[in-house]
Structures are given as C-alpha cells and as structure tokens.
Amino acid sequence: MAVTLVGHPFDTLKIRMATSEHRTTLGAMFRSILREGGPGAFYAGVGSPLAGQMLFRSVLFVAQHNAKEFAGPDGTLRLTGVAQSACAGMVAGGCAAFVEGPVDMFKTQRQVRRTQENVFALGARLVRQHGWSVAYQGFGATLVRNLLANAIFFTTFDTVRGPRTDFPTTFFAGSAAGLAYWTSTYWADVVKSAIQAQDPANIRYRGWWHCASSLYREGGLARFTRGFTPCIMRSMPANAAMFSTVNFAKQSLKRRLDPSTAKPQ
C-alpha cells in the first residue's frame, strides 16, 4: 500500500506521457497535470491498484514459488539456475496477468480521462456499457509484457541476491530486478498502455501488432520510450521495498511455523 501511494504519481506521469500523441518533457507533463486538477490529479485511478495490489502480488509470488519448485532440480522439469528462475517468472507473470490486466485497465482509463468520477464509478459505468469483457481490454498486451518481464525480473533478483537473504542484499537485488524489468520491456508496456487507454466505444487498434506498428509509424523507436524516466524513478525504490517486505514476511512466517529456526536470545 505504501509503495502504491508513493509511486502512483510517477505512474500517472508515465501513463500520460506514454499515451500522449505528442512527445513532451517530464516537466511539461508535470505542469500540465498540476494545472488540470492540482496535486490530487496525480492520484487519478489510485483506488484500482490499492484495491487490487495485494491480490495481484499474492498471485505473483505464490505462483512464482510453486513454479520454481515444479521447475527445480527436485521437481518435474529438473531445471537449475537461470532456466529455473526464468521459467518460474514466466509462469508467475502469466498467472498474475489475469488480476493485473483489469487493475491496470481501469487505472489507465481513469488516468487519461478528465472526469470527476473515481476509478470504481468509472469502472462500473464501463462494465454496464460494454460488459465484463471491457476489464480485459489489452489483456493480450499485458500477457506479452508479463511473460518476458517477469522472466527477466525474477532471474535478475535470484542472480544478484544469490543464497544471501540479509536486508541490504535483498534491497539491492530488488532494485536491480526493477531496473532490469523496465529497461528490457518498457516498449511492451507502452503498447499495453496505448491499447488500454482507448475509449472502449471507439477502439482504434485491432490488436497488439497493429498497435505496435502504428506507434512505430507515429514516432519510430523513440515512441516506445515516452514516460520511461518517471517509470525508472518509481521502479527501483519500489521494487527494492517490495522484495525486502516479501523477504521479511517469509522469514517471519518461517520462524512462526518452525520455532527451531528462530535465533537464540
């Protein structure tokens, strides 16, 4: 929750820059959003990730843990190292997409609209008008990004952290994982955002490839970098904090379930 509250203004800047028809600077977009609705405008759509983040992260890490065991040396696939981490990350990303897709869809819709509706009222109205399938607008693009991004994400984290579980190492590994996630797959997130930002009543892109090729014609490779700066500004500290929290929770649960692992007083 804290990560969402701190990081959401950066996400709003990222979405607005990534979906803008014209290239703009971070400072210009910041001033534009501020003029539109004051500081509160940076929290447009925050209710969706606040409500869905816990479920999304739970699905992501539970799926990754089980997939890693399934793919590991003692599991069915008998993979090790990078192959094991990448396989588990892809499975986790695919599972999480079913939750993350609707969360991102309604969040993005609220961020790009000039409306006083909160994200839940807007989401309910879109569902009434277009049916429940509107929640999965851009799901294919979410899946494409998640499969690749989470393979890189968890592989980087496992590689950098190694066998150590202390806080500084976990924090640094989480930061590196966040940097690797967005540096390698931001282009795919721009495509996803463009599809999800469309008015459901006026769909412009026929699919992932049509959207990607249209964006390329619009601005070349540089078109896929819009909003990258605020994304990275948010990503590294947010993911460092997230992995540190997950590691702390796992260690705490382990001590509660197996008191013999607790450090002697």
C-alpha atoms as a PDB file:
ATOM      1  CA  MET A   1       0.000   0.000   0.000  1.00  0.00           C
ATOM      2  CA  ALA A   2       2.802   2.412   0.931  1.00  0.00           C
ATOM      3  CA  VAL A   3       4.619   1.637  -2.336  1.00  0.00           C
ATOM      4  CA  THR A   4       1.442   2.418  -4.318  1.00  0.00           C
ATOM      5  CA  LEU A   5       0.822   5.700  -2.509  1.00  0.00           C
ATOM      6  CA  VAL A   6       4.386   6.865  -3.023  1.00  0.00           C
ATOM      7  CA  GLY A   7       4.749   5.559  -6.577  1.00  0.00           C
ATOM      8  CA  HIS A   8       1.360   6.382  -8.110  1.00  0.00           C
ATOM      9  CA  PRO A   9       2.176   9.998  -9.073  1.00  0.00           C
ATOM     10  CA  PHE A  10       5.148   8.676 -11.084  1.00  0.00           C
ATOM     11  CA  ASP A  11       2.843   6.102 -12.693  1.00  0.00           C
ATOM     12  CA  THR A  12       0.376   8.829 -13.684  1.00  0.00           C
ATOM     13  CA  LEU A  13       3.214  10.769 -15.323  1.00  0.00           C
ATOM     14  CA  LYS A  14       4.360   7.588 -17.092  1.00  0.00           C
ATOM     15  CA  ILE A  15       0.897   6.734 -18.432  1.00  0.00           C
ATOM     16  CA  ARG A  16       0.130  10.263 -19.597  1.00  0.00           C
ATOM     17  CA  MET A  17       3.491  10.581 -21.367  1.00  0.00           C
ATOM     18  CA  ALA A  18       3.318   7.082 -22.891  1.00  0.00           C
ATOM     19  CA  THR A  19      -0.180   7.619 -24.290  1.00  0.00           C
ATOM     20  CA  SER A  20       0.303  11.223 -25.407  1.00  0.00           C
ATOM     21  CA  GLU A  21       0.002  11.846 -29.149  1.00  0.00           C
ATOM     22  CA  HIS A  22       2.874  14.306 -28.947  1.00  0.00           C
ATOM     23  CA  ARG A  23       6.319  13.940 -27.400  1.00  0.00           C
ATOM     24  CA  THR A  24       6.674  16.043 -24.244  1.00  0.00           C
ATOM     25  CA  THR A  25       9.117  16.505 -21.394  1.00  0.00           C
ATOM     26  CA  LEU A  26       8.653  15.286 -17.840  1.00  0.00           C
ATOM     27  CA  GLY A  27       8.489  18.866 -16.548  1.00  0.00           C
ATOM     28  CA  ALA A  28       5.901  19.931 -19.134  1.00  0.00           C
ATOM     29  CA  MET A  29       3.663  16.953 -18.357  1.00  0.00           C
ATOM     30  CA  PHE A  30       4.027  17.567 -14.616  1.00  0.00           C
ATOM     31  CA  ARG A  31       2.857  21.171 -15.038  1.00  0.00           C
ATOM     32  CA  SER A  32       0.016  20.116 -17.336  1.00  0.00           C
ATOM     33  CA  ILE A  33      -1.381  17.590 -14.835  1.00  0.00           C
ATOM     34  CA  LEU A  34      -0.970  20.078 -11.982  1.00  0.00           C
ATOM     35  CA  ARG A  35      -2.962  22.716 -13.912  1.00  0.00           C
ATOM     36  CA  GLU A  36      -5.730  20.224 -14.664  1.00  0.00           C
ATOM     37  CA  GLY A  37      -6.545  19.194 -11.128  1.00  0.00           C
ATOM     38  CA  GLY A  38      -3.895  20.213  -8.634  1.00  0.00           C
ATOM     39  CA  PRO A  39      -1.823  17.699  -6.640  1.00  0.00           C
ATOM     40  CA  GLY A  40      -4.785  15.305  -6.420  1.00  0.00           C
ATOM     41  CA  ALA A  41      -4.677  14.772 -10.181  1.00  0.00           C
ATOM     42  CA  PHE A  42      -1.504  12.721  -9.761  1.00  0.00           C
ATOM     43  CA  TYR A  43      -3.541  10.180  -7.796  1.00  0.00           C
ATOM     44  CA  ALA A  44      -6.145   9.650 -10.518  1.00  0.00           C
ATOM     45  CA  GLY A  45      -7.099   5.969 -10.555  1.00  0.00           C
ATOM     46  CA  VAL A  46      -5.161   5.108  -7.388  1.00  0.00           C
ATOM     47  CA  GLY A  47      -8.115   3.182  -5.959  1.00  0.00           C
ATOM     48  CA  SER A  48      -7.691   0.388  -8.505  1.00  0.00           C
ATOM     49  CA  PRO A  49      -4.101  -0.585  -7.585  1.00  0.00           C
ATOM     50  CA  LEU A  50      -4.796  -0.001  -3.890  1.00  0.00           C
ATOM     51  CA  ALA A  51      -7.670  -2.484  -4.038  1.00  0.00           C
ATOM     52  CA  GLY A  52      -6.004  -4.943  -6.410  1.00  0.00           C
ATOM     53  CA  GLN A  53      -2.331  -4.750  -5.472  1.00  0.00           C
ATOM     54  CA  MET A  54      -2.473  -7.202  -2.569  1.00  0.00           C
ATOM     55  CA  LEU A  55      -4.308  -9.831  -4.638  1.00  0.00           C
ATOM     56  CA  PHE A  56      -2.045  -9.270  -7.645  1.00  0.00           C
ATOM     57  CA  ARG A  57       1.184  -9.530  -5.619  1.00  0.00           C
ATOM     58  CA  SER A  58      -0.116 -12.579  -3.759  1.00  0.00           C
ATOM     59  CA  VAL A  59      -0.880 -14.383  -7.015  1.00  0.00           C
ATOM     60  CA  LEU A  60       2.506 -13.339  -8.464  1.00  0.00           C
ATOM     61  CA  PHE A  61       4.654 -14.574  -5.581  1.00  0.00           C
ATOM     62  CA  VAL A  62       2.636 -17.705  -4.793  1.00  0.00           C
ATOM     63  CA  ALA A  63       2.716 -18.728  -8.469  1.00  0.00           C
ATOM     64  CA  GLN A  64       6.443 -17.980  -8.676  1.00  0.00           C
ATOM     65  CA  HIS A  65       7.222 -20.016  -5.552  1.00  0.00           C
ATOM     66  CA  ASN A  66       5.260 -23.062  -6.721  1.00  0.00           C
ATOM     67  CA  ALA A  67       6.504 -22.827 -10.309  1.00  0.00           C
ATOM     68  CA  LYS A  68      10.087 -22.601  -9.061  1.00  0.00           C
ATOM     69  CA  GLU A  69       9.650 -25.802  -7.062  1.00  0.00           C
ATOM     70  CA  PHE A  70       7.947 -27.533 -10.014  1.00  0.00           C
ATOM     71  CA  ALA A  71      10.731 -26.490 -12.392  1.00  0.00           C
ATOM     72  CA  GLY A  72      13.587 -27.075  -9.923  1.00  0.00           C
ATOM     73  CA  PRO A  73      16.088 -29.929  -9.537  1.00  0.00           C
ATOM     74  CA  ASP A  74      13.693 -31.878  -7.292  1.00  0.00           C
ATOM     75  CA  GLY A  75      10.639 -31.051  -9.405  1.00  0.00           C
ATOM     76  CA  THR A  76       9.235 -32.278 -12.684  1.00  0.00           C
ATOM     77  CA  LEU A  77      11.360 -30.216 -15.100  1.00  0.00           C
ATOM     78  CA  ARG A  78      14.664 -30.531 -13.176  1.00  0.00           C
ATOM     79  CA  LEU A  79      15.918 -27.101 -14.194  1.00  0.00           C
ATOM     80  CA  THR A  80      18.541 -25.098 -12.326  1.00  0.00           C
ATOM     81  CA  GLY A  81      19.918 -21.563 -12.236  1.00  0.00           C
ATOM     82  CA  VAL A  82      18.760 -19.073 -14.843  1.00  0.00           C
ATOM     83  CA  ALA A  83      16.484 -21.576 -16.618  1.00  0.00           C
ATOM     84  CA  GLN A  84      14.641 -22.359 -13.372  1.00  0.00           C
ATOM     85  CA  SER A  85      14.231 -18.690 -12.427  1.00  0.00           C
ATOM     86  CA  ALA A  86      13.112 -17.661 -15.918  1.00  0.00           C
ATOM     87  CA  CYS A  87      10.579 -20.486 -16.187  1.00  0.00           C
ATOM     88  CA  ALA A  88       9.106 -19.679 -12.766  1.00  0.00           C
ATOM     89  CA  GLY A  89       8.979 -15.976 -13.640  1.00  0.00           C
ATOM     90  CA  MET A  90       7.097 -16.603 -16.880  1.00  0.00           C
ATOM     91  CA  VAL A  91       4.519 -18.778 -15.123  1.00  0.00           C
ATOM     92  CA  ALA A  92       4.098 -16.188 -12.365  1.00  0.00           C
ATOM     93  CA  GLY A  93       3.704 -13.363 -14.887  1.00  0.00           C
ATOM     94  CA  GLY A  94       1.111 -15.298 -16.864  1.00  0.00           C
ATOM     95  CA  CYS A  95      -0.954 -16.078 -13.753  1.00  0.00           C
ATOM     96  CA  ALA A  96      -0.703 -12.517 -12.417  1.00  0.00           C
ATOM     97  CA  ALA A  97      -1.881 -11.063 -15.754  1.00  0.00           C
ATOM     98  CA  PHE A  98      -5.426 -12.254 -15.032  1.00  0.00           C
ATOM     99  CA  VAL A  99      -5.527  -9.947 -11.998  1.00  0.00           C
ATOM    100  CA  GLU A 100      -3.152  -7.227 -13.152  1.00  0.00           C
ATOM    101  CA  GLY A 101      -4.922  -6.745 -16.501  1.00  0.00           C
ATOM    102  CA  PRO A 102      -8.222  -5.419 -15.084  1.00  0.00           C
ATOM    103  CA  VAL A 103      -6.424  -3.432 -12.357  1.00  0.00           C
ATOM    104  CA  ASP A 104      -4.276  -1.669 -14.961  1.00  0.00           C
ATOM    105  CA  MET A 105      -7.152  -1.242 -17.409  1.00  0.00           C
ATOM    106  CA  PHE A 106      -9.394   0.714 -15.026  1.00  0.00           C
ATOM    107  CA  LYS A 107      -6.439   2.629 -13.558  1.00  0.00           C
ATOM    108  CA  THR A 108      -5.288   3.698 -17.026  1.00  0.00           C
ATOM    109  CA  GLN A 109      -8.793   4.694 -18.105  1.00  0.00           C
ATOM    110  CA  ARG A 110      -9.086   6.997 -15.101  1.00  0.00           C
ATOM    111  CA  GLN A 111      -5.610   8.467 -15.560  1.00  0.00           C
ATOM    112  CA  VAL A 112      -6.218   9.563 -19.158  1.00  0.00           C
ATOM    113  CA  ARG A 113      -9.750  10.922 -18.654  1.00  0.00           C
ATOM    114  CA  ARG A 114     -10.655  14.403 -17.450  1.00  0.00           C
ATOM    115  CA  THR A 115     -13.510  13.350 -15.190  1.00  0.00           C
ATOM    116  CA  GLN A 116     -14.540  13.720 -11.564  1.00  0.00           C
ATOM    117  CA  GLU A 117     -15.576  10.062 -11.339  1.00  0.00           C
ATOM    118  CA  ASN A 118     -13.456   7.898  -9.074  1.00  0.00           C
ATOM    119  CA  VAL A 119     -11.976   4.761 -10.594  1.00  0.00           C
ATOM    120  CA  PHE A 120     -14.670   2.477  -9.143  1.00  0.00           C
ATOM    121  CA  ALA A 121     -17.555   4.569 -10.504  1.00  0.00           C
ATOM    122  CA  LEU A 122     -15.832   4.775 -13.873  1.00  0.00           C
ATOM    123  CA  GLY A 123     -15.178   1.033 -13.902  1.00  0.00           C
ATOM    124  CA  ALA A 124     -18.792   0.240 -13.013  1.00  0.00           C
ATOM    125  CA  ARG A 125     -20.035   2.530 -15.796  1.00  0.00           C
ATOM    126  CA  LEU A 126     -17.727   0.953 -18.383  1.00  0.00           C
ATOM    127  CA  VAL A 127     -18.886  -2.537 -17.367  1.00  0.00           C
ATOM    128  CA  ARG A 128     -22.553  -1.505 -17.653  1.00  0.00           C
ATOM    129  CA  GLN A 129     -21.945  -0.030 -21.100  1.00  0.00           C
ATOM    130  CA  HIS A 130     -19.627  -2.662 -22.579  1.00  0.00           C
ATOM    131  CA  GLY A 131     -19.948  -5.781 -20.436  1.00  0.00           C
ATOM    132  CA  TRP A 132     -17.366  -7.515 -18.228  1.00  0.00           C
ATOM    133  CA  SER A 133     -15.067  -8.147 -21.171  1.00  0.00           C
ATOM    134  CA  VAL A 134     -14.044  -4.477 -21.053  1.00  0.00           C
ATOM    135  CA  ALA A 135     -11.980  -5.282 -17.944  1.00  0.00           C
ATOM    136  CA  TYR A 136      -9.692  -7.360 -20.162  1.00  0.00           C
ATOM    137  CA  GLN A 137      -9.156  -4.752 -22.864  1.00  0.00           C
ATOM    138  CA  GLY A 138      -5.459  -5.087 -23.653  1.00  0.00           C
ATOM    139  CA  PHE A 139      -5.117  -8.460 -21.932  1.00  0.00           C
ATOM    140  CA  GLY A 140      -3.036  -9.898 -24.767  1.00  0.00           C
ATOM    141  CA  ALA A 141      -0.613  -6.977 -24.458  1.00  0.00           C
ATOM    142  CA  THR A 142      -0.481  -7.450 -20.676  1.00  0.00           C
ATOM    143  CA  LEU A 143       0.336 -11.133 -21.186  1.00  0.00           C
ATOM    144  CA  VAL A 144       3.093 -10.404 -23.733  1.00  0.00           C
ATOM    145  CA  ARG A 145       4.736  -7.947 -21.363  1.00  0.00           C
ATOM    146  CA  ASN A 146       4.315 -10.091 -18.257  1.00  0.00           C
ATOM    147  CA  LEU A 147       5.776 -13.304 -19.684  1.00  0.00           C
ATOM    148  CA  LEU A 148       9.003 -11.638 -20.779  1.00  0.00           C
ATOM    149  CA  ALA A 149       9.248  -9.048 -18.000  1.00  0.00           C
ATOM    150  CA  ASN A 150       8.766 -11.423 -15.091  1.00  0.00           C
ATOM    151  CA  ALA A 151      11.204 -13.964 -16.513  1.00  0.00           C
ATOM    152  CA  ILE A 152      13.823 -11.196 -16.505  1.00  0.00           C
ATOM    153  CA  PHE A 153      12.581  -9.784 -13.184  1.00  0.00           C
ATOM    154  CA  PHE A 154      12.930 -12.944 -11.101  1.00  0.00           C
ATOM    155  CA  THR A 155      16.051 -14.152 -12.899  1.00  0.00           C
ATOM    156  CA  THR A 156      17.798 -10.872 -12.126  1.00  0.00           C
ATOM    157  CA  PHE A 157      16.680 -10.956  -8.498  1.00  0.00           C
ATOM    158  CA  ASP A 158      17.798 -14.562  -7.942  1.00  0.00           C
ATOM    159  CA  THR A 159      21.118 -13.984  -9.702  1.00  0.00           C
ATOM    160  CA  VAL A 160      22.008 -10.777  -7.848  1.00  0.00           C
ATOM    161  CA  ARG A 161      20.855 -11.954  -4.421  1.00  0.00           C
ATOM    162  CA  GLY A 162      22.270 -15.473  -4.656  1.00  0.00           C
ATOM    163  CA  PRO A 163      21.946 -17.523  -1.448  1.00  0.00           C
ATOM    164  CA  ARG A 164      22.000 -14.489   0.860  1.00  0.00           C
ATOM    165  CA  THR A 165      18.772 -13.264   2.492  1.00  0.00           C
ATOM    166  CA  ASP A 166      20.014 -10.282   4.534  1.00  0.00           C
ATOM    167  CA  PHE A 167      18.244  -6.941   4.113  1.00  0.00           C
ATOM    168  CA  PRO A 168      20.964  -4.971   2.238  1.00  0.00           C
ATOM    169  CA  THR A 169      21.469  -7.738  -0.330  1.00  0.00           C
ATOM    170  CA  THR A 170      17.727  -8.249  -0.810  1.00  0.00           C
ATOM    171  CA  PHE A 171      17.163  -4.493  -1.147  1.00  0.00           C
ATOM    172  CA  PHE A 172      19.904  -4.149  -3.765  1.00  0.00           C
ATOM    173  CA  ALA A 173      18.729  -7.236  -5.682  1.00  0.00           C
ATOM    174  CA  GLY A 174      15.153  -5.910  -5.714  1.00  0.00           C
ATOM    175  CA  SER A 175      16.362  -2.582  -7.058  1.00  0.00           C
ATOM    176  CA  ALA A 176      18.361  -4.324  -9.795  1.00  0.00           C
ATOM    177  CA  ALA A 177      15.364  -6.515 -10.672  1.00  0.00           C
ATOM    178  CA  GLY A 178      13.123  -3.459 -11.039  1.00  0.00           C
ATOM    179  CA  LEU A 179      15.674  -1.757 -13.285  1.00  0.00           C
ATOM    180  CA  ALA A 180      16.030  -4.884 -15.452  1.00  0.00           C
ATOM    181  CA  TYR A 181      12.237  -5.355 -15.676  1.00  0.00           C
ATOM    182  CA  TRP A 182      11.523  -1.908 -17.069  1.00  0.00           C
ATOM    183  CA  THR A 183      14.694  -1.350 -19.096  1.00  0.00           C
ATOM    184  CA  SER A 184      14.127  -4.549 -21.068  1.00  0.00           C
ATOM    185  CA  THR A 185      10.360  -4.435 -21.533  1.00  0.00           C
ATOM    186  CA  TYR A 186       9.234  -0.812 -21.324  1.00  0.00           C
ATOM    187  CA  TRP A 187       8.493  -0.871 -25.056  1.00  0.00           C
ATOM    188  CA  ALA A 188       5.909  -3.621 -24.422  1.00  0.00           C
ATOM    189  CA  ASP A 189       4.344  -1.601 -21.603  1.00  0.00           C
ATOM    190  CA  VAL A 190       3.902   1.378 -23.937  1.00  0.00           C
ATOM    191  CA  VAL A 191       1.940  -0.856 -26.331  1.00  0.00           C
ATOM    192  CA  LYS A 192      -0.166  -2.184 -23.448  1.00  0.00           C
ATOM    193  CA  SER A 193      -0.886   1.312 -22.153  1.00  0.00           C
ATOM    194  CA  ALA A 194      -1.897   2.566 -25.599  1.00  0.00           C
ATOM    195  CA  ILE A 195      -4.402  -0.279 -26.023  1.00  0.00           C
ATOM    196  CA  GLN A 196      -5.831   0.105 -22.517  1.00  0.00           C
ATOM    197  CA  ALA A 197      -6.108   3.902 -22.836  1.00  0.00           C
ATOM    198  CA  GLN A 198      -8.510   3.622 -25.788  1.00  0.00           C
ATOM    199  CA  ASP A 199     -12.133   4.561 -25.291  1.00  0.00           C
ATOM    200  CA  PRO A 200     -13.938   1.166 -25.381  1.00  0.00           C
ATOM    201  CA  ALA A 201     -16.602   2.812 -27.556  1.00  0.00           C
ATOM    202  CA  ASN A 202     -14.006   3.912 -30.108  1.00  0.00           C
ATOM    203  CA  ILE A 203     -11.371   1.201 -30.497  1.00  0.00           C
ATOM    204  CA  ARG A 204      -8.518   2.293 -32.761  1.00  0.00           C
ATOM    205  CA  TYR A 205      -6.117  -0.650 -32.559  1.00  0.00           C
ATOM    206  CA  ARG A 206      -7.167  -4.069 -33.868  1.00  0.00           C
ATOM    207  CA  GLY A 207      -4.625  -5.935 -31.758  1.00  0.00           C
ATOM    208  CA  TRP A 208      -1.113  -5.963 -30.306  1.00  0.00           C
ATOM    209  CA  TRP A 209       0.772  -5.960 -33.595  1.00  0.00           C
ATOM    210  CA  HIS A 210      -1.456  -3.296 -35.147  1.00  0.00           C
ATOM    211  CA  CYS A 211      -0.880  -1.063 -32.115  1.00  0.00           C
ATOM    212  CA  ALA A 212       2.897  -1.627 -32.065  1.00  0.00           C
ATOM    213  CA  SER A 213       3.280  -0.943 -35.796  1.00  0.00           C
ATOM    214  CA  SER A 214       1.043   2.152 -35.560  1.00  0.00           C
ATOM    215  CA  LEU A 215       3.125   3.566 -32.709  1.00  0.00           C
ATOM    216  CA  TYR A 216       6.316   2.905 -34.682  1.00  0.00           C
ATOM    217  CA  ARG A 217       4.949   4.781 -37.697  1.00  0.00           C
ATOM    218  CA  GLU A 218       3.935   7.590 -35.351  1.00  0.00           C
ATOM    219  CA  GLY A 219       7.375   8.217 -33.870  1.00  0.00           C
ATOM    220  CA  GLY A 220       9.872   5.471 -34.651  1.00  0.00           C
ATOM    221  CA  LEU A 221      11.703   3.638 -31.871  1.00  0.00           C
ATOM    222  CA  ALA A 222      11.682   6.778 -29.740  1.00  0.00           C
ATOM    223  CA  ARG A 223       7.888   6.447 -29.497  1.00  0.00           C
ATOM    224  CA  PHE A 224       8.372   3.438 -27.237  1.00  0.00           C
ATOM    225  CA  THR A 225      10.417   5.422 -24.689  1.00  0.00           C
ATOM    226  CA  ARG A 226       7.843   8.050 -23.738  1.00  0.00           C
ATOM    227  CA  GLY A 227       7.352   8.067 -19.975  1.00  0.00           C
ATOM    228  CA  PHE A 228      10.460   5.976 -19.293  1.00  0.00           C
ATOM    229  CA  THR A 229      12.062   8.497 -16.905  1.00  0.00           C
ATOM    230  CA  PRO A 230       9.264   8.624 -14.288  1.00  0.00           C
ATOM    231  CA  CYS A 231       8.898   4.857 -14.641  1.00  0.00           C
ATOM    232  CA  ILE A 232      12.514   4.246 -13.618  1.00  0.00           C
ATOM    233  CA  MET A 233      12.312   6.898 -10.876  1.00  0.00           C
ATOM    234  CA  ARG A 234       9.499   4.872  -9.319  1.00  0.00           C
ATOM    235  CA  SER A 235      10.622   1.356 -10.165  1.00  0.00           C
ATOM    236  CA  MET A 236      13.957   0.911  -8.411  1.00  0.00           C
ATOM    237  CA  PRO A 237      12.976   2.026  -4.877  1.00  0.00           C
ATOM    238  CA  ALA A 238       9.504   0.474  -5.184  1.00  0.00           C
ATOM    239  CA  ASN A 239      10.777  -2.975  -6.144  1.00  0.00           C
ATOM    240  CA  ALA A 240      13.591  -2.826  -3.604  1.00  0.00           C
ATOM    241  CA  ALA A 241      10.992  -2.136  -0.907  1.00  0.00           C
ATOM    242  CA  MET A 242       8.646  -4.823  -2.242  1.00  0.00           C
ATOM    243  CA  PHE A 243      11.219  -7.631  -2.260  1.00  0.00           C
ATOM    244  CA  SER A 244      12.506  -6.579   1.165  1.00  0.00           C
ATOM    245  CA  THR A 245       8.950  -6.730   2.529  1.00  0.00           C
ATOM    246  CA  VAL A 246       8.302 -10.125   0.938  1.00  0.00           C
ATOM    247  CA  ASN A 247      11.582 -11.464   2.319  1.00  0.00           C
ATOM    248  CA  PHE A 248      10.770 -10.150   5.806  1.00  0.00           C
ATOM    249  CA  ALA A 249       7.275 -11.696   5.690  1.00  0.00           C
ATOM    250  CA  LYS A 250       8.668 -15.068   4.557  1.00  0.00           C
ATOM    251  CA  GLN A 251      11.286 -15.083   7.311  1.00  0.00           C
ATOM    252  CA  SER A 252       8.699 -14.116   9.933  1.00  0.00           C
ATOM    253  CA  LEU A 253       6.274 -16.836   8.819  1.00  0.00           C
ATOM    254  CA  LYS A 254       9.086 -19.383   8.769  1.00  0.00           C
ATOM    255  CA  ARG A 255      10.012 -18.549  12.362  1.00  0.00           C
ATOM    256  CA  ARG A 256       6.383 -18.781  13.477  1.00  0.00           C
ATOM    257  CA  LEU A 257       5.796 -22.120  11.748  1.00  0.00           C
ATOM    258  CA  ASP A 258       9.179 -23.553  12.777  1.00  0.00           C
ATOM    259  CA  PRO A 259      10.337 -22.045  16.094  1.00  0.00           C
ATOM    260  CA  SER A 260      13.601 -24.008  15.860  1.00  0.00           C
ATOM    261  CA  THR A 261      14.759 -21.597  13.144  1.00  0.00           C
ATOM    262  CA  ALA A 262      14.492 -18.590  15.450  1.00  0.00           C
ATOM    263  CA  LYS A 263      17.742 -17.002  16.518  1.00  0.00           C
ATOM    264  CA  PRO A 264      18.727 -17.723  20.125  1.00  0.00           C
ATOM    265  CA  GLN A 265      18.151 -14.866  22.552  1.00  0.00           C
END
